[in-house]
Amino acid sequence: SELFRQFASTISQPQSVLITVGYSFADEHFNDIIFQALSNPSFTLIIVDFNGTKNNPQIERIKNLNDSRIIILQGNYFGR
């Protein structure tokens, strides 16, 4: 629980950036903290999504927020 508090405290700081690589957004505990950080107008979320949002409804939901502070880098990993 201490790590969750530290994570929440860190990403709620002004001008925070969270870069996720390989995170499927399937853990609601982490997602709650991330969505709470989005209430901070200077927070930026960068998602590196190798499989594309069509394969992940959670990332598709985030993409549909149409928030300019959310950057989703999509690709086709291993030529799939």
Protein backbone atom coordinates (compact mmCIF):
# COMPACT_ATOMS: atom_id res chain seq x y z
CA SER A 1 0.00 0.00 0.00
CA GLU A 2 2.95 2.33 0.58
CA LEU A 3 4.04 1.91 -3.05
CA PHE A 4 0.54 2.85 -4.22
CA ARG A 5 0.67 6.01 -2.08
CA GLN A 6 4.10 6.94 -3.41
CA PHE A 7 2.98 6.30 -7.00
CA ALA A 8 -0.13 8.45 -6.53
CA SER A 9 1.87 11.21 -4.87
CA THR A 10 4.51 11.22 -7.59
CA ILE A 11 2.19 11.42 -10.58
CA SER A 12 0.03 14.07 -8.94
CA GLN A 13 2.96 16.51 -8.82
CA PRO A 14 2.86 19.45 -11.25
CA GLN A 15 4.28 18.74 -14.71
CA SER A 16 4.30 14.96 -14.12
CA VAL A 17 4.60 12.57 -17.02
CA LEU A 18 3.76 8.88 -16.86
CA ILE A 19 5.12 6.65 -19.62
CA THR A 20 3.59 3.20 -19.82
CA VAL A 21 5.15 0.44 -21.90
CA GLY A 22 3.52 -2.97 -21.95
CA TYR A 23 0.84 -2.05 -19.43
CA SER A 24 -2.58 -3.35 -20.50
CA PHE A 25 -4.57 -1.12 -18.12
CA ALA A 26 -6.23 -4.22 -16.67
CA ASP A 27 -5.49 -3.32 -13.02
CA GLU A 28 -8.24 -1.06 -11.71
CA HIS A 29 -6.16 0.00 -8.67
CA PHE A 30 -3.48 1.51 -10.90
CA ASN A 31 -6.08 2.83 -13.34
CA ASP A 32 -7.87 4.70 -10.55
CA ILE A 33 -4.62 6.43 -9.62
CA ILE A 34 -3.86 7.26 -13.26
CA PHE A 35 -7.35 8.65 -13.93
CA GLN A 36 -7.13 10.69 -10.74
CA ALA A 37 -3.84 12.16 -12.01
CA LEU A 38 -5.66 13.23 -15.18
CA SER A 39 -7.56 15.73 -13.04
CA ASN A 40 -4.22 17.59 -12.81
CA PRO A 41 -4.11 19.88 -15.88
CA SER A 42 -0.31 19.63 -16.16
CA PHE A 43 -0.22 15.79 -16.11
CA THR A 44 0.75 13.95 -19.31
CA LEU A 45 0.15 10.27 -20.00
CA ILE A 46 2.19 8.53 -22.71
CA ILE A 47 1.11 5.02 -23.66
CA VAL A 48 3.33 2.82 -25.81
CA ASP A 49 0.92 0.28 -27.28
CA PHE A 50 2.60 -2.27 -29.53
CA ASN A 51 -0.62 -4.10 -30.40
CA GLY A 52 -2.93 -1.21 -31.25
CA THR A 53 -6.02 -0.16 -29.34
CA LYS A 54 -8.32 -2.46 -31.30
CA ASN A 55 -6.87 -5.32 -29.27
CA ASN A 56 -7.30 -3.57 -25.92
CA PRO A 57 -10.66 -2.08 -24.90
CA GLN A 58 -9.12 -0.31 -21.89
CA ILE A 59 -6.67 1.63 -24.05
CA GLU A 60 -9.42 2.27 -26.60
CA ARG A 61 -11.49 3.82 -23.79
CA ILE A 62 -8.58 6.09 -22.85
CA LYS A 63 -8.08 7.04 -26.50
CA ASN A 64 -11.76 7.99 -26.76
CA LEU A 65 -11.29 10.60 -24.03
CA ASN A 66 -9.76 12.79 -26.77
CA ASP A 67 -7.48 14.47 -24.25
CA SER A 68 -4.46 16.22 -25.76
CA ARG A 69 -2.44 15.29 -22.64
CA ILE A 70 -2.78 11.61 -23.52
CA ILE A 71 -0.32 10.46 -26.17
CA ILE A 72 -0.73 6.94 -27.53
CA LEU A 73 2.11 5.54 -29.60
CA GLN A 74 0.78 2.57 -31.50
CA GLY A 75 2.66 0.04 -33.51
CA ASN A 76 2.76 -3.43 -34.87
CA TYR A 77 5.25 -5.31 -32.73
CA PHE A 78 7.09 -8.31 -34.19
CA GLY A 79 5.42 -7.77 -37.55
CA ARG A 80 2.00 -8.98 -36.38
